[in-house]
Amino acid sequence: MGTLIIFRDGHELMVREKTREIVNQGLYADKVIVTRRRVSSIDKFEIEWNSMKKLIAIDGSGDEQ
């Protein structure tokens, strides 16, 4: 499972966190920390809540173990 973040400037970022986790972080801070899995590492991103336009929940059942 994961979430696709669409930014106000049109960029998109697929992250590991569920939409609910991102929204919960946004309740307590102006920035959220999300992660994206790479082949040999995990990338972390700090994103300002106001820079996001839309969050789309992705059902990745069976994609990740």
Protein backbone atom coordinates (compact mmCIF):
# COMPACT_ATOMS: atom_id res chain seq x y z
CA MET A 1 0.00 0.00 0.00
CA GLY A 2 1.04 3.56 -0.48
CA THR A 3 -0.02 7.02 -1.47
CA LEU A 4 0.50 9.14 -4.53
CA ILE A 5 1.13 12.78 -3.61
CA ILE A 6 0.30 15.33 -6.27
CA PHE A 7 1.89 18.72 -5.65
CA ARG A 8 0.49 22.12 -6.56
CA ASP A 9 3.22 22.51 -9.19
CA GLY A 10 2.15 19.29 -10.93
CA HIS A 11 4.92 16.98 -9.68
CA GLU A 12 3.96 13.54 -8.36
CA LEU A 13 5.62 11.40 -5.69
CA MET A 14 4.69 7.81 -4.80
CA VAL A 15 5.42 7.06 -1.13
CA ARG A 16 5.14 4.06 1.17
CA GLU A 17 2.94 5.67 3.84
CA LYS A 18 -0.80 5.21 3.83
CA THR A 19 -2.94 8.29 3.28
CA ARG A 20 -4.16 8.09 6.88
CA GLU A 21 -0.58 8.24 8.22
CA ILE A 22 0.16 11.33 6.14
CA VAL A 23 -3.02 13.09 7.26
CA ASN A 24 -2.33 12.25 10.92
CA GLN A 25 1.15 13.78 10.66
CA GLY A 26 -0.42 16.88 9.10
CA LEU A 27 -2.65 17.35 12.14
CA TYR A 28 0.36 18.00 14.36
CA ALA A 29 2.84 19.80 12.10
CA ASP A 30 3.11 21.93 8.97
CA LYS A 31 5.48 19.36 7.43
CA VAL A 32 5.22 15.61 6.98
CA ILE A 33 7.98 13.05 6.54
CA VAL A 34 7.38 10.35 3.95
CA THR A 35 9.55 7.59 2.50
CA ARG A 36 10.11 5.91 -0.85
CA ARG A 37 11.83 2.56 -1.24
CA ARG A 38 14.77 2.30 -3.62
CA VAL A 39 16.58 -0.85 -4.67
CA SER A 40 19.29 -0.51 -2.03
CA SER A 41 17.97 2.22 0.29
CA ILE A 42 14.98 4.16 1.54
CA ASP A 43 14.68 7.84 0.61
CA LYS A 44 13.07 10.23 3.11
CA PHE A 45 11.32 13.42 2.09
CA GLU A 46 10.14 16.31 4.26
CA ILE A 47 7.16 17.93 2.58
CA GLU A 48 5.24 21.06 3.52
CA TRP A 49 1.56 20.29 3.94
CA ASN A 50 0.51 23.36 1.92
CA SER A 51 2.60 22.26 -1.10
CA MET A 52 0.37 19.20 -1.59
CA LYS A 53 -2.64 19.47 -3.86
CA LYS A 54 -4.01 15.94 -3.60
CA LEU A 55 -3.38 12.58 -1.90
CA ILE A 56 -4.44 9.41 -3.73
CA ALA A 57 -4.49 6.09 -1.88
CA ILE A 58 -2.94 3.27 -3.88
CA ASP A 59 -3.78 -0.37 -3.17
CA GLY A 60 -0.56 -2.20 -3.80
CA SER A 61 -1.72 -5.55 -2.50
CA GLY A 62 0.91 -8.14 -3.27
CA ASP A 63 3.46 -5.59 -4.50
CA GLU A 64 5.52 -5.33 -1.31
CA GLN A 65 6.36 -7.87 1.31
